[in-house]
Amino acid sequence: FDPIVYYQGWKDDYKAVVEKMFSFDEIRTKTAWISLGTLRYTPGLKQTAEQRFADNNLFYCGDFFQDVDGKLRYPRELWIEMYNAMIEWIRSFDTSCWVYLCMEFLDLWQKTTLRKSDYSYR
């Protein structure tokens, strides 16, 4: 799930996707890991997307800030909320599935409900 995009109703929609995904035996029994990441982008990507998709409001749902890597991201509190919701939904179906955060800093991993064993390799 990368990127997870914030918008009004995101929780209901993403929860439904997780439920649907795990409703299939093949997926539920053979999924070894799931990567999570929230929307992040370079300033140039926003300009390109606005030119190509004028009616797209993807970059206007939520407040974005420029992080140390130069990418624009949602506020950390929102990342944590989004990650924790996804982790909870996934874990409700499969407690053994390794869930990890794609391209996130260790301190953020530690602020989520991920198990220490999920990030101790870092």
PDB file of N, CA and C in Angstrom:
ATOM      1  N   PHE A   1       0.863  -1.170   0.000  1.00  0.00           N
ATOM      2  CA  PHE A   1       0.000   0.000   0.000  1.00  0.00           C
ATOM      3  C   PHE A   1       0.899   1.218   0.000  1.00  0.00           C
ATOM      4  N   ASP A   2       1.307   1.619  -1.165  1.00  0.00           N
ATOM      5  CA  ASP A   2       2.207   2.761  -1.275  1.00  0.00           C
ATOM      6  C   ASP A   2       1.983   3.435  -2.619  1.00  0.00           C
ATOM      7  N   PRO A   3       1.427   4.624  -2.607  1.00  0.00           N
ATOM      8  CA  PRO A   3       1.204   5.464  -1.437  1.00  0.00           C
ATOM      9  C   PRO A   3      -0.214   5.321  -0.871  1.00  0.00           C
ATOM     10  N   ILE A   4      -0.301   5.507   0.431  1.00  0.00           N
ATOM     11  CA  ILE A   4      -1.595   5.672   1.087  1.00  0.00           C
ATOM     12  C   ILE A   4      -1.907   7.158   0.976  1.00  0.00           C
ATOM     13  N   VAL A   5      -3.075   7.461   0.445  1.00  0.00           N
ATOM     14  CA  VAL A   5      -3.440   8.849   0.171  1.00  0.00           C
ATOM     15  C   VAL A   5      -4.534   9.289   1.140  1.00  0.00           C
ATOM     16  N   TYR A   6      -4.336  10.436   1.727  1.00  0.00           N
ATOM     17  CA  TYR A   6      -5.314  11.004   2.643  1.00  0.00           C
ATOM     18  C   TYR A   6      -6.395  11.756   1.856  1.00  0.00           C
ATOM     19  N   TYR A   7      -7.637  11.508   2.189  1.00  0.00           N
ATOM     20  CA  TYR A   7      -8.771  12.250   1.648  1.00  0.00           C
ATOM     21  C   TYR A   7      -9.964  11.952   2.541  1.00  0.00           C
ATOM     22  N   GLN A   8     -11.013  12.720   2.407  1.00  0.00           N
ATOM     23  CA  GLN A   8     -12.199  12.470   3.219  1.00  0.00           C
ATOM     24  C   GLN A   8     -12.737  11.084   2.870  1.00  0.00           C
ATOM     25  N   GLY A   9     -12.866  10.226   3.861  1.00  0.00           N
ATOM     26  CA  GLY A   9     -13.351   8.872   3.639  1.00  0.00           C
ATOM     27  C   GLY A   9     -12.261   7.842   3.425  1.00  0.00           C
ATOM     28  N   TRP A  10     -10.997   8.233   3.569  1.00  0.00           N
ATOM     29  CA  TRP A  10      -9.900   7.292   3.305  1.00  0.00           C
ATOM     30  C   TRP A  10      -9.982   6.070   4.204  1.00  0.00           C
ATOM     31  N   LYS A  11     -10.362   6.263   5.466  1.00  0.00           N
ATOM     32  CA  LYS A  11     -10.392   5.123   6.399  1.00  0.00           C
ATOM     33  C   LYS A  11     -11.363   4.045   5.927  1.00  0.00           C
ATOM     34  N   ASP A  12     -12.561   4.441   5.574  1.00  0.00           N
ATOM     35  CA  ASP A  12     -13.553   3.468   5.107  1.00  0.00           C
ATOM     36  C   ASP A  12     -13.070   2.748   3.853  1.00  0.00           C
ATOM     37  N   ASP A  13     -12.503   3.498   2.929  1.00  0.00           N
ATOM     38  CA  ASP A  13     -12.062   2.905   1.663  1.00  0.00           C
ATOM     39  C   ASP A  13     -10.883   1.947   1.843  1.00  0.00           C
ATOM     40  N   TYR A  14      -9.877   2.367   2.590  1.00  0.00           N
ATOM     41  CA  TYR A  14      -8.713   1.499   2.788  1.00  0.00           C
ATOM     42  C   TYR A  14      -9.068   0.278   3.628  1.00  0.00           C
ATOM     43  N   LYS A  15      -9.913   0.450   4.630  1.00  0.00           N
ATOM     44  CA  LYS A  15     -10.343  -0.696   5.436  1.00  0.00           C
ATOM     45  C   LYS A  15     -11.061  -1.712   4.554  1.00  0.00           C
ATOM     46  N   ALA A  16     -11.906  -1.216   3.658  1.00  0.00           N
ATOM     47  CA  ALA A  16     -12.630  -2.103   2.740  1.00  0.00           C
ATOM     48  C   ALA A  16     -11.667  -2.856   1.823  1.00  0.00           C
ATOM     49  N   VAL A  17     -10.616  -2.202   1.366  1.00  0.00           N
ATOM     50  CA  VAL A  17      -9.638  -2.865   0.506  1.00  0.00           C
ATOM     51  C   VAL A  17      -8.912  -3.967   1.275  1.00  0.00           C
ATOM     52  N   VAL A  18      -8.507  -3.673   2.509  1.00  0.00           N
ATOM     53  CA  VAL A  18      -7.825  -4.687   3.321  1.00  0.00           C
ATOM     54  C   VAL A  18      -8.760  -5.868   3.566  1.00  0.00           C
ATOM     55  N   GLU A  19      -9.999  -5.586   3.915  1.00  0.00           N
ATOM     56  CA  GLU A  19     -10.975  -6.662   4.145  1.00  0.00           C
ATOM     57  C   GLU A  19     -11.173  -7.500   2.891  1.00  0.00           C
ATOM     58  N   LYS A  20     -11.309  -6.852   1.754  1.00  0.00           N
ATOM     59  CA  LYS A  20     -11.498  -7.563   0.482  1.00  0.00           C
ATOM     60  C   LYS A  20     -10.265  -8.412   0.157  1.00  0.00           C
ATOM     61  N   MET A  21      -9.104  -7.826   0.319  1.00  0.00           N
ATOM     62  CA  MET A  21      -7.864  -8.524   0.016  1.00  0.00           C
ATOM     63  C   MET A  21      -7.748  -9.794   0.853  1.00  0.00           C
ATOM     64  N   PHE A  22      -7.991  -9.682   2.142  1.00  0.00           N
ATOM     65  CA  PHE A  22      -7.844 -10.840   3.022  1.00  0.00           C
ATOM     66  C   PHE A  22      -9.038 -11.784   2.975  1.00  0.00           C
ATOM     67  N   SER A  23     -10.054 -11.453   2.214  1.00  0.00           N
ATOM     68  CA  SER A  23     -11.177 -12.379   2.051  1.00  0.00           C
ATOM     69  C   SER A  23     -10.834 -13.526   1.105  1.00  0.00           C
ATOM     70  N   PHE A  24      -9.726 -13.400   0.377  1.00  0.00           N
ATOM     71  CA  PHE A  24      -9.282 -14.440  -0.542  1.00  0.00           C
ATOM     72  C   PHE A  24      -8.280 -15.339   0.170  1.00  0.00           C
ATOM     73  N   ASP A  25      -8.586 -16.634   0.248  1.00  0.00           N
ATOM     74  CA  ASP A  25      -7.708 -17.589   0.934  1.00  0.00           C
ATOM     75  C   ASP A  25      -6.284 -17.532   0.391  1.00  0.00           C
ATOM     76  N   GLU A  26      -6.163 -17.456  -0.898  1.00  0.00           N
ATOM     77  CA  GLU A  26      -4.845 -17.449  -1.537  1.00  0.00           C
ATOM     78  C   GLU A  26      -3.995 -16.276  -1.041  1.00  0.00           C
ATOM     79  N   ILE A  27      -4.608 -15.126  -0.932  1.00  0.00           N
ATOM     80  CA  ILE A  27      -3.872 -13.947  -0.449  1.00  0.00           C
ATOM     81  C   ILE A  27      -3.617 -14.065   1.044  1.00  0.00           C
ATOM     82  N   ARG A  28      -4.633 -14.431   1.792  1.00  0.00           N
ATOM     83  CA  ARG A  28      -4.512 -14.508   3.250  1.00  0.00           C
ATOM     84  C   ARG A  28      -3.439 -15.513   3.680  1.00  0.00           C
ATOM     85  N   THR A  29      -3.333 -16.616   2.987  1.00  0.00           N
ATOM     86  CA  THR A  29      -2.399 -17.661   3.404  1.00  0.00           C
ATOM     87  C   THR A  29      -0.999 -17.518   2.808  1.00  0.00           C
ATOM     88  N   LYS A  30      -0.853 -16.720   1.761  1.00  0.00           N
ATOM     89  CA  LYS A  30       0.446 -16.659   1.090  1.00  0.00           C
ATOM     90  C   LYS A  30       1.103 -15.280   1.103  1.00  0.00           C
ATOM     91  N   THR A  31       0.527 -14.340   1.824  1.00  0.00           N
ATOM     92  CA  THR A  31       1.134 -13.016   1.898  1.00  0.00           C
ATOM     93  C   THR A  31       2.175 -13.026   3.010  1.00  0.00           C
ATOM     94  N   ALA A  32       3.427 -12.801   2.653  1.00  0.00           N
ATOM     95  CA  ALA A  32       4.517 -12.831   3.631  1.00  0.00           C
ATOM     96  C   ALA A  32       4.784 -11.460   4.231  1.00  0.00           C
ATOM     97  N   TRP A  33       4.586 -10.401   3.460  1.00  0.00           N
ATOM     98  CA  TRP A  33       4.853  -9.060   3.953  1.00  0.00           C
ATOM     99  C   TRP A  33       4.005  -8.039   3.220  1.00  0.00           C
ATOM    100  N   ILE A  34       3.794  -6.910   3.873  1.00  0.00           N
ATOM    101  CA  ILE A  34       3.046  -5.794   3.281  1.00  0.00           C
ATOM    102  C   ILE A  34       3.811  -4.518   3.585  1.00  0.00           C
ATOM    103  N   SER A  35       4.048  -3.757   2.560  1.00  0.00           N
ATOM    104  CA  SER A  35       4.749  -2.485   2.682  1.00  0.00           C
ATOM    105  C   SER A  35       3.731  -1.346   2.734  1.00  0.00           C
ATOM    106  N   LEU A  36       3.963  -0.409   3.643  1.00  0.00           N
ATOM    107  CA  LEU A  36       3.115   0.771   3.754  1.00  0.00           C
ATOM    108  C   LEU A  36       3.942   2.023   3.494  1.00  0.00           C
ATOM    109  N   GLY A  37       3.354   2.959   2.806  1.00  0.00           N
ATOM    110  CA  GLY A  37       3.991   4.258   2.583  1.00  0.00           C
ATOM    111  C   GLY A  37       2.918   5.286   2.344  1.00  0.00           C
ATOM    112  N   THR A  38       3.132   6.488   2.816  1.00  0.00           N
ATOM    113  CA  THR A  38       2.168   7.559   2.563  1.00  0.00           C
ATOM    114  C   THR A  38       2.640   8.390   1.371  1.00  0.00           C
ATOM    115  N   LEU A  39       1.722   9.151   0.821  1.00  0.00           N
ATOM    116  CA  LEU A  39       2.049   9.992  -0.329  1.00  0.00           C
ATOM    117  C   LEU A  39       3.196  10.931   0.019  1.00  0.00           C
ATOM    118  N   ARG A  40       4.214  10.920  -0.826  1.00  0.00           N
ATOM    119  CA  ARG A  40       5.339  11.834  -0.716  1.00  0.00           C
ATOM    120  C   ARG A  40       5.777  12.156  -2.138  1.00  0.00           C
ATOM    121  N   TYR A  41       6.225  13.357  -2.347  1.00  0.00           N
ATOM    122  CA  TYR A  41       6.562  13.741  -3.716  1.00  0.00           C
ATOM    123  C   TYR A  41       7.523  14.922  -3.718  1.00  0.00           C
ATOM    124  N   THR A  42       8.199  15.068  -4.828  1.00  0.00           N
ATOM    125  CA  THR A  42       9.083  16.215  -5.012  1.00  0.00           C
ATOM    126  C   THR A  42       8.241  17.387  -5.509  1.00  0.00           C
ATOM    127  N   PRO A  43       8.677  18.613  -5.262  1.00  0.00           N
ATOM    128  CA  PRO A  43       7.901  19.766  -5.734  1.00  0.00           C
ATOM    129  C   PRO A  43       7.632  19.717  -7.240  1.00  0.00           C
ATOM    130  N   GLY A  44       8.562  19.221  -8.022  1.00  0.00           N
ATOM    131  CA  GLY A  44       8.385  19.148  -9.468  1.00  0.00           C
ATOM    132  C   GLY A  44       7.272  18.205  -9.893  1.00  0.00           C
ATOM    133  N   LEU A  45       7.043  17.144  -9.118  1.00  0.00           N
ATOM    134  CA  LEU A  45       5.984  16.195  -9.454  1.00  0.00           C
ATOM    135  C   LEU A  45       4.613  16.856  -9.372  1.00  0.00           C
ATOM    136  N   LYS A  46       4.429  17.696  -8.374  1.00  0.00           N
ATOM    137  CA  LYS A  46       3.144  18.393  -8.222  1.00  0.00           C
ATOM    138  C   LYS A  46       2.865  19.249  -9.461  1.00  0.00           C
ATOM    139  N   GLN A  47       3.854  19.981  -9.921  1.00  0.00           N
ATOM    140  CA  GLN A  47       3.666  20.828 -11.107  1.00  0.00           C
ATOM    141  C   GLN A  47       3.342  19.989 -12.337  1.00  0.00           C
ATOM    142  N   THR A  48       4.042  18.903 -12.517  1.00  0.00           N
ATOM    143  CA  THR A  48       3.785  18.016 -13.662  1.00  0.00           C
ATOM    144  C   THR A  48       2.368  17.451 -13.597  1.00  0.00           C
ATOM    145  N   ALA A  49       1.961  16.983 -12.426  1.00  0.00           N
ATOM    146  CA  ALA A  49       0.617  16.417 -12.265  1.00  0.00           C
ATOM    147  C   ALA A  49      -0.456  17.475 -12.518  1.00  0.00           C
ATOM    148  N   GLU A  50      -0.232  18.692 -12.041  1.00  0.00           N
ATOM    149  CA  GLU A  50      -1.217  19.761 -12.271  1.00  0.00           C
ATOM    150  C   GLU A  50      -1.358  20.059 -13.762  1.00  0.00           C
ATOM    151  N   GLN A  51      -0.276  20.006 -14.505  1.00  0.00           N
ATOM    152  CA  GLN A  51      -0.330  20.249 -15.944  1.00  0.00           C
ATOM    153  C   GLN A  51      -1.050  19.115 -16.672  1.00  0.00           C
ATOM    154  N   ARG A  52      -0.790  17.907 -16.275  1.00  0.00           N
ATOM    155  CA  ARG A  52      -1.361  16.752 -16.974  1.00  0.00           C
ATOM    156  C   ARG A  52      -2.786  16.430 -16.530  1.00  0.00           C
ATOM    157  N   PHE A  53      -3.098  16.701 -15.278  1.00  0.00           N
ATOM    158  CA  PHE A  53      -4.398  16.331 -14.704  1.00  0.00           C
ATOM    159  C   PHE A  53      -4.968  17.535 -13.957  1.00  0.00           C
ATOM    160  N   ALA A  54      -5.446  18.509 -14.687  1.00  0.00           N
ATOM    161  CA  ALA A  54      -5.879  19.780 -14.103  1.00  0.00           C
ATOM    162  C   ALA A  54      -6.983  19.618 -13.057  1.00  0.00           C
ATOM    163  N   ASP A  55      -7.833  18.617 -13.189  1.00  0.00           N
ATOM    164  CA  ASP A  55      -8.947  18.463 -12.247  1.00  0.00           C
ATOM    165  C   ASP A  55      -8.599  17.582 -11.044  1.00  0.00           C
ATOM    166  N   ASN A  56      -7.351  17.158 -10.919  1.00  0.00           N
ATOM    167  CA  ASN A  56      -6.923  16.290  -9.820  1.00  0.00           C
ATOM    168  C   ASN A  56      -6.642  17.134  -8.583  1.00  0.00           C
ATOM    169  N   ASN A  57      -7.236  16.750  -7.443  1.00  0.00           N
ATOM    170  CA  ASN A  57      -6.991  17.495  -6.215  1.00  0.00           C
ATOM    171  C   ASN A  57      -6.139  16.713  -5.217  1.00  0.00           C
ATOM    172  N   LEU A  58      -5.421  15.725  -5.688  1.00  0.00           N
ATOM    173  CA  LEU A  58      -4.601  14.853  -4.854  1.00  0.00           C
ATOM    174  C   LEU A  58      -3.659  15.635  -3.944  1.00  0.00           C
ATOM    175  N   PHE A  59      -3.082  16.687  -4.452  1.00  0.00           N
ATOM    176  CA  PHE A  59      -2.084  17.440  -3.698  1.00  0.00           C
ATOM    177  C   PHE A  59      -2.703  18.513  -2.801  1.00  0.00           C
ATOM    178  N   TYR A  60      -4.018  18.562  -2.740  1.00  0.00           N
ATOM    179  CA  TYR A  60      -4.689  19.594  -1.951  1.00  0.00           C
ATOM    180  C   TYR A  60      -5.498  19.023  -0.803  1.00  0.00           C
ATOM    181  N   CYS A  61      -5.445  17.717  -0.604  1.00  0.00           N
ATOM    182  CA  CYS A  61      -6.108  17.079   0.536  1.00  0.00           C
ATOM    183  C   CYS A  61      -5.059  16.882   1.613  1.00  0.00           C
ATOM    184  N   GLY A  62      -5.142  17.665   2.643  1.00  0.00           N
ATOM    185  CA  GLY A  62      -4.152  17.594   3.717  1.00  0.00           C
ATOM    186  C   GLY A  62      -3.084  18.643   3.533  1.00  0.00           C
ATOM    187  N   ASP A  63      -2.418  18.935   4.630  1.00  0.00           N
ATOM    188  CA  ASP A  63      -1.315  19.893   4.598  1.00  0.00           C
ATOM    189  C   ASP A  63      -0.025  19.140   4.350  1.00  0.00           C
ATOM    190  N   PHE A  64       0.809  19.657   3.478  1.00  0.00           N
ATOM    191  CA  PHE A  64       2.076  19.033   3.179  1.00  0.00           C
ATOM    192  C   PHE A  64       3.201  19.923   3.682  1.00  0.00           C
ATOM    193  N   PHE A  65       4.301  19.308   4.090  1.00  0.00           N
ATOM    194  CA  PHE A  65       5.473  20.070   4.484  1.00  0.00           C
ATOM    195  C   PHE A  65       6.679  19.440   3.824  1.00  0.00           C
ATOM    196  N   GLN A  66       7.713  20.239   3.639  1.00  0.00           N
ATOM    197  CA  GLN A  66       8.931  19.721   3.027  1.00  0.00           C
ATOM    198  C   GLN A  66       9.802  19.120   4.119  1.00  0.00           C
ATOM    199  N   ASP A  67      10.122  17.845   3.988  1.00  0.00           N
ATOM    200  CA  ASP A  67      10.900  17.120   4.982  1.00  0.00           C
ATOM    201  C   ASP A  67      12.392  17.248   4.668  1.00  0.00           C
ATOM    202  N   VAL A  68      13.220  16.668   5.513  1.00  0.00           N
ATOM    203  CA  VAL A  68      14.670  16.782   5.367  1.00  0.00           C
ATOM    204  C   VAL A  68      15.187  16.197   4.061  1.00  0.00           C
ATOM    205  N   ASP A  69      14.431  15.280   3.462  1.00  0.00           N
ATOM    206  CA  ASP A  69      14.851  14.688   2.187  1.00  0.00           C
ATOM    207  C   ASP A  69      14.391  15.506   0.979  1.00  0.00           C
ATOM    208  N   GLY A  70      13.742  16.653   1.237  1.00  0.00           N
ATOM    209  CA  GLY A  70      13.284  17.522   0.163  1.00  0.00           C
ATOM    210  C   GLY A  70      11.918  17.171  -0.385  1.00  0.00           C
ATOM    211  N   LYS A  71      11.360  16.039   0.037  1.00  0.00           N
ATOM    212  CA  LYS A  71      10.040  15.629  -0.438  1.00  0.00           C
ATOM    213  C   LYS A  71       8.949  16.271   0.409  1.00  0.00           C
ATOM    214  N   LEU A  72       7.841  16.518  -0.241  1.00  0.00           N
ATOM    215  CA  LEU A  72       6.672  17.031   0.465  1.00  0.00           C
ATOM    216  C   LEU A  72       5.900  15.855   1.022  1.00  0.00           C
ATOM    217  N   ARG A  73       5.486  15.976   2.275  1.00  0.00           N
ATOM    218  CA  ARG A  73       4.820  14.884   2.970  1.00  0.00           C
ATOM    219  C   ARG A  73       3.700  15.436   3.830  1.00  0.00           C
ATOM    220  N   TYR A  74       2.817  14.506   4.245  1.00  0.00           N
ATOM    221  CA  TYR A  74       1.802  14.848   5.231  1.00  0.00           C
ATOM    222  C   TYR A  74       2.496  15.084   6.575  1.00  0.00           C
ATOM    223  N   PRO A  75       1.828  15.782   7.494  1.00  0.00           N
ATOM    224  CA  PRO A  75       2.402  15.927   8.846  1.00  0.00           C
ATOM    225  C   PRO A  75       2.590  14.554   9.502  1.00  0.00           C
ATOM    226  N   ARG A  76       3.605  14.429  10.320  1.00  0.00           N
ATOM    227  CA  ARG A  76       3.936  13.148  10.956  1.00  0.00           C
ATOM    228  C   ARG A  76       2.769  12.570  11.748  1.00  0.00           C
ATOM    229  N   GLU A  77       1.999  13.404  12.413  1.00  0.00           N
ATOM    230  CA  GLU A  77       0.854  12.899  13.181  1.00  0.00           C
ATOM    231  C   GLU A  77      -0.126  12.165  12.271  1.00  0.00           C
ATOM    232  N   LEU A  78      -0.293  12.682  11.053  1.00  0.00           N
ATOM    233  CA  LEU A  78      -1.185  12.038  10.095  1.00  0.00           C
ATOM    234  C   LEU A  78      -0.582  10.730   9.593  1.00  0.00           C
ATOM    235  N   TRP A  79       0.735  10.706   9.339  1.00  0.00           N
ATOM    236  CA  TRP A  79       1.388   9.452   8.937  1.00  0.00           C
ATOM    237  C   TRP A  79       1.111   8.388   9.972  1.00  0.00           C
ATOM    238  N   ILE A  80       1.351   8.739  11.239  1.00  0.00           N
ATOM    239  CA  ILE A  80       1.194   7.760  12.323  1.00  0.00           C
ATOM    240  C   ILE A  80      -0.240   7.263  12.381  1.00  0.00           C
ATOM    241  N   GLU A  81      -1.195   8.170  12.264  1.00  0.00           N
ATOM    242  CA  GLU A  81      -2.605   7.764  12.271  1.00  0.00           C
ATOM    243  C   GLU A  81      -2.908   6.804  11.116  1.00  0.00           C
ATOM    244  N   MET A  82      -2.426   7.133   9.933  1.00  0.00           N
ATOM    245  CA  MET A  82      -2.686   6.299   8.762  1.00  0.00           C
ATOM    246  C   MET A  82      -2.007   4.944   8.891  1.00  0.00           C
ATOM    247  N   TYR A  83      -0.745   4.941   9.300  1.00  0.00           N
ATOM    248  CA  TYR A  83      -0.038   3.677   9.455  1.00  0.00           C
ATOM    249  C   TYR A  83      -0.687   2.807  10.526  1.00  0.00           C
ATOM    250  N   ASN A  84      -1.022   3.384  11.668  1.00  0.00           N
ATOM    251  CA  ASN A  84      -1.615   2.592  12.748  1.00  0.00           C
ATOM    252  C   ASN A  84      -2.959   2.001  12.345  1.00  0.00           C
ATOM    253  N   ALA A  85      -3.745   2.741  11.605  1.00  0.00           N
ATOM    254  CA  ALA A  85      -5.029   2.205  11.133  1.00  0.00           C
ATOM    255  C   ALA A  85      -4.791   1.021  10.205  1.00  0.00           C
ATOM    256  N   MET A  86      -3.875   1.170   9.255  1.00  0.00           N
ATOM    257  CA  MET A  86      -3.580   0.086   8.315  1.00  0.00           C
ATOM    258  C   MET A  86      -3.026  -1.136   9.050  1.00  0.00           C
ATOM    259  N   ILE A  87      -2.120  -0.907   9.990  1.00  0.00           N
ATOM    260  CA  ILE A  87      -1.538  -2.013  10.759  1.00  0.00           C
ATOM    261  C   ILE A  87      -2.641  -2.753  11.509  1.00  0.00           C
ATOM    262  N   GLU A  88      -3.532  -2.018  12.139  1.00  0.00           N
ATOM    263  CA  GLU A  88      -4.631  -2.638  12.889  1.00  0.00           C
ATOM    264  C   GLU A  88      -5.498  -3.496  11.977  1.00  0.00           C
ATOM    265  N   TRP A  89      -5.868  -2.970  10.819  1.00  0.00           N
ATOM    266  CA  TRP A  89      -6.737  -3.722   9.902  1.00  0.00           C
ATOM    267  C   TRP A  89      -6.031  -4.972   9.390  1.00  0.00           C
ATOM    268  N   ILE A  90      -4.773  -4.841   9.017  1.00  0.00           N
ATOM    269  CA  ILE A  90      -4.020  -5.998   8.514  1.00  0.00           C
ATOM    270  C   ILE A  90      -3.878  -7.043   9.612  1.00  0.00           C
ATOM    271  N   ARG A  91      -3.487  -6.610  10.795  1.00  0.00           N
ATOM    272  CA  ARG A  91      -3.281  -7.542  11.917  1.00  0.00           C
ATOM    273  C   ARG A  91      -4.583  -8.222  12.344  1.00  0.00           C
ATOM    274  N   SER A  92      -5.725  -7.604  12.074  1.00  0.00           N
ATOM    275  CA  SER A  92      -6.993  -8.250  12.434  1.00  0.00           C
ATOM    276  C   SER A  92      -7.232  -9.502  11.588  1.00  0.00           C
ATOM    277  N   PHE A  93      -6.540  -9.606  10.456  1.00  0.00           N
ATOM    278  CA  PHE A  93      -6.662 -10.775   9.587  1.00  0.00           C
ATOM    279  C   PHE A  93      -5.461 -11.700   9.675  1.00  0.00           C
ATOM    280  N   ASP A  94      -4.293 -11.123   9.912  1.00  0.00           N
ATOM    281  CA  ASP A  94      -3.072 -11.929   9.890  1.00  0.00           C
ATOM    282  C   ASP A  94      -2.043 -11.323  10.842  1.00  0.00           C
ATOM    283  N   THR A  95      -1.850 -11.967  11.974  1.00  0.00           N
ATOM    284  CA  THR A  95      -0.910 -11.443  12.958  1.00  0.00           C
ATOM    285  C   THR A  95       0.537 -11.789  12.627  1.00  0.00           C
ATOM    286  N   SER A  96       0.757 -12.729  11.719  1.00  0.00           N
ATOM    287  CA  SER A  96       2.131 -13.135  11.400  1.00  0.00           C
ATOM    288  C   SER A  96       2.713 -12.395  10.190  1.00  0.00           C
ATOM    289  N   CYS A  97       1.877 -11.721   9.439  1.00  0.00           N
ATOM    290  CA  CYS A  97       2.341 -11.001   8.253  1.00  0.00           C
ATOM    291  C   CYS A  97       3.283  -9.866   8.677  1.00  0.00           C
ATOM    292  N   TRP A  98       4.454  -9.802   8.031  1.00  0.00           N
ATOM    293  CA  TRP A  98       5.404  -8.743   8.348  1.00  0.00           C
ATOM    294  C   TRP A  98       4.929  -7.462   7.671  1.00  0.00           C
ATOM    295  N   VAL A  99       4.681  -6.446   8.444  1.00  0.00           N
ATOM    296  CA  VAL A  99       4.277  -5.140   7.933  1.00  0.00           C
ATOM    297  C   VAL A  99       5.453  -4.199   8.140  1.00  0.00           C
ATOM    298  N   TYR A 100       5.822  -3.498   7.086  1.00  0.00           N
ATOM    299  CA  TYR A 100       6.923  -2.553   7.243  1.00  0.00           C
ATOM    300  C   TYR A 100       6.606  -1.241   6.532  1.00  0.00           C
ATOM    301  N   LEU A 101       7.356  -0.218   6.901  1.00  0.00           N
ATOM    302  CA  LEU A 101       7.155   1.117   6.358  1.00  0.00           C
ATOM    303  C   LEU A 101       8.199   1.383   5.289  1.00  0.00           C
ATOM    304  N   CYS A 102       7.734   1.741   4.126  1.00  0.00           N
ATOM    305  CA  CYS A 102       8.609   1.967   2.983  1.00  0.00           C
ATOM    306  C   CYS A 102       9.254   3.351   3.075  1.00  0.00           C
ATOM    307  N   MET A 103      10.563   3.359   3.081  1.00  0.00           N
ATOM    308  CA  MET A 103      11.344   4.590   3.014  1.00  0.00           C
ATOM    309  C   MET A 103      11.014   5.567   4.153  1.00  0.00           C
ATOM    310  N   GLU A 104      10.827   5.048   5.348  1.00  0.00           N
ATOM    311  CA  GLU A 104      10.553   5.906   6.499  1.00  0.00           C
ATOM    312  C   GLU A 104      11.703   5.819   7.490  1.00  0.00           C
ATOM    313  N   PHE A 105      11.832   6.860   8.274  1.00  0.00           N
ATOM    314  CA  PHE A 105      12.874   6.934   9.274  1.00  0.00           C
ATOM    315  C   PHE A 105      12.532   6.044  10.472  1.00  0.00           C
ATOM    316  N   LEU A 106      13.553   5.501  11.133  1.00  0.00           N
ATOM    317  CA  LEU A 106      13.367   4.590  12.251  1.00  0.00           C
ATOM    318  C   LEU A 106      12.514   5.210  13.355  1.00  0.00           C
ATOM    319  N   ASP A 107      12.708   6.486  13.642  1.00  0.00           N
ATOM    320  CA  ASP A 107      11.932   7.096  14.725  1.00  0.00           C
ATOM    321  C   ASP A 107      10.435   7.057  14.429  1.00  0.00           C
ATOM    322  N   LEU A 108      10.069   7.112  13.167  1.00  0.00           N
ATOM    323  CA  LEU A 108       8.658   7.022  12.820  1.00  0.00           C
ATOM    324  C   LEU A 108       8.152   5.593  13.037  1.00  0.00           C
ATOM    325  N   TRP A 109       8.945   4.602  12.655  1.00  0.00           N
ATOM    326  CA  TRP A 109       8.571   3.203  12.896  1.00  0.00           C
ATOM    327  C   TRP A 109       8.258   3.015  14.379  1.00  0.00           C
ATOM    328  N   GLN A 110       9.100   3.585  15.223  1.00  0.00           N
ATOM    329  CA  GLN A 110       8.971   3.399  16.669  1.00  0.00           C
ATOM    330  C   GLN A 110       7.740   4.088  17.247  1.00  0.00           C
ATOM    331  N   LYS A 111       7.176   5.028  16.543  1.00  0.00           N
ATOM    332  CA  LYS A 111       5.986   5.740  17.018  1.00  0.00           C
ATOM    333  C   LYS A 111       4.689   5.073  16.574  1.00  0.00           C
ATOM    334  N   THR A 112       4.800   4.025  15.791  1.00  0.00           N
ATOM    335  CA  THR A 112       3.619   3.304  15.332  1.00  0.00           C
ATOM    336  C   THR A 112       3.371   2.092  16.224  1.00  0.00           C
ATOM    337  N   THR A 113       2.317   1.375  15.903  1.00  0.00           N
ATOM    338  CA  THR A 113       1.996   0.158  16.647  1.00  0.00           C
ATOM    339  C   THR A 113       2.691  -1.079  16.066  1.00  0.00           C
ATOM    340  N   LEU A 114       3.668  -0.876  15.204  1.00  0.00           N
ATOM    341  CA  LEU A 114       4.448  -2.010  14.716  1.00  0.00           C
ATOM    342  C   LEU A 114       5.154  -2.677  15.891  1.00  0.00           C
ATOM    343  N   ARG A 115       5.320  -3.975  15.807  1.00  0.00           N
ATOM    344  CA  ARG A 115       6.059  -4.692  16.836  1.00  0.00           C
ATOM    345  C   ARG A 115       7.541  -4.382  16.686  1.00  0.00           C
ATOM    346  N   LYS A 116       8.248  -4.371  17.791  1.00  0.00           N
ATOM    347  CA  LYS A 116       9.684  -4.096  17.737  1.00  0.00           C
ATOM    348  C   LYS A 116      10.387  -5.055  16.779  1.00  0.00           C
ATOM    349  N   SER A 117       9.933  -6.292  16.731  1.00  0.00           N
ATOM    350  CA  SER A 117      10.552  -7.273  15.821  1.00  0.00           C
ATOM    351  C   SER A 117      10.372  -6.887  14.352  1.00  0.00           C
ATOM    352  N   ASP A 118       9.373  -6.051  14.064  1.00  0.00           N
ATOM    353  CA  ASP A 118       9.147  -5.618  12.678  1.00  0.00           C
ATOM    354  C   ASP A 118      10.219  -4.641  12.209  1.00  0.00           C
ATOM    355  N   TYR A 119      10.837  -3.924  13.143  1.00  0.00           N
ATOM    356  CA  TYR A 119      11.825  -2.945  12.727  1.00  0.00           C
ATOM    357  C   TYR A 119      13.189  -3.123  13.393  1.00  0.00           C
ATOM    358  N   SER A 120      13.362  -4.154  14.159  1.00  0.00           N
ATOM    359  CA  SER A 120      14.620  -4.331  14.888  1.00  0.00           C
ATOM    360  C   SER A 120      15.791  -4.648  13.960  1.00  0.00           C
ATOM    361  N   TYR A 121      15.529  -5.098  12.754  1.00  0.00           N
ATOM    362  CA  TYR A 121      16.611  -5.393  11.812  1.00  0.00           C
ATOM    363  C   TYR A 121      17.319  -4.143  11.343  1.00  0.00           C
ATOM    364  N   ARG A 122      16.664  -2.990  11.467  1.00  0.00           N
ATOM    365  CA  ARG A 122      17.218  -1.740  10.933  1.00  0.00           C
ATOM    366  C   ARG A 122      18.408  -1.350  11.704  1.00  0.00           C
TER     367      ARG A 122
END
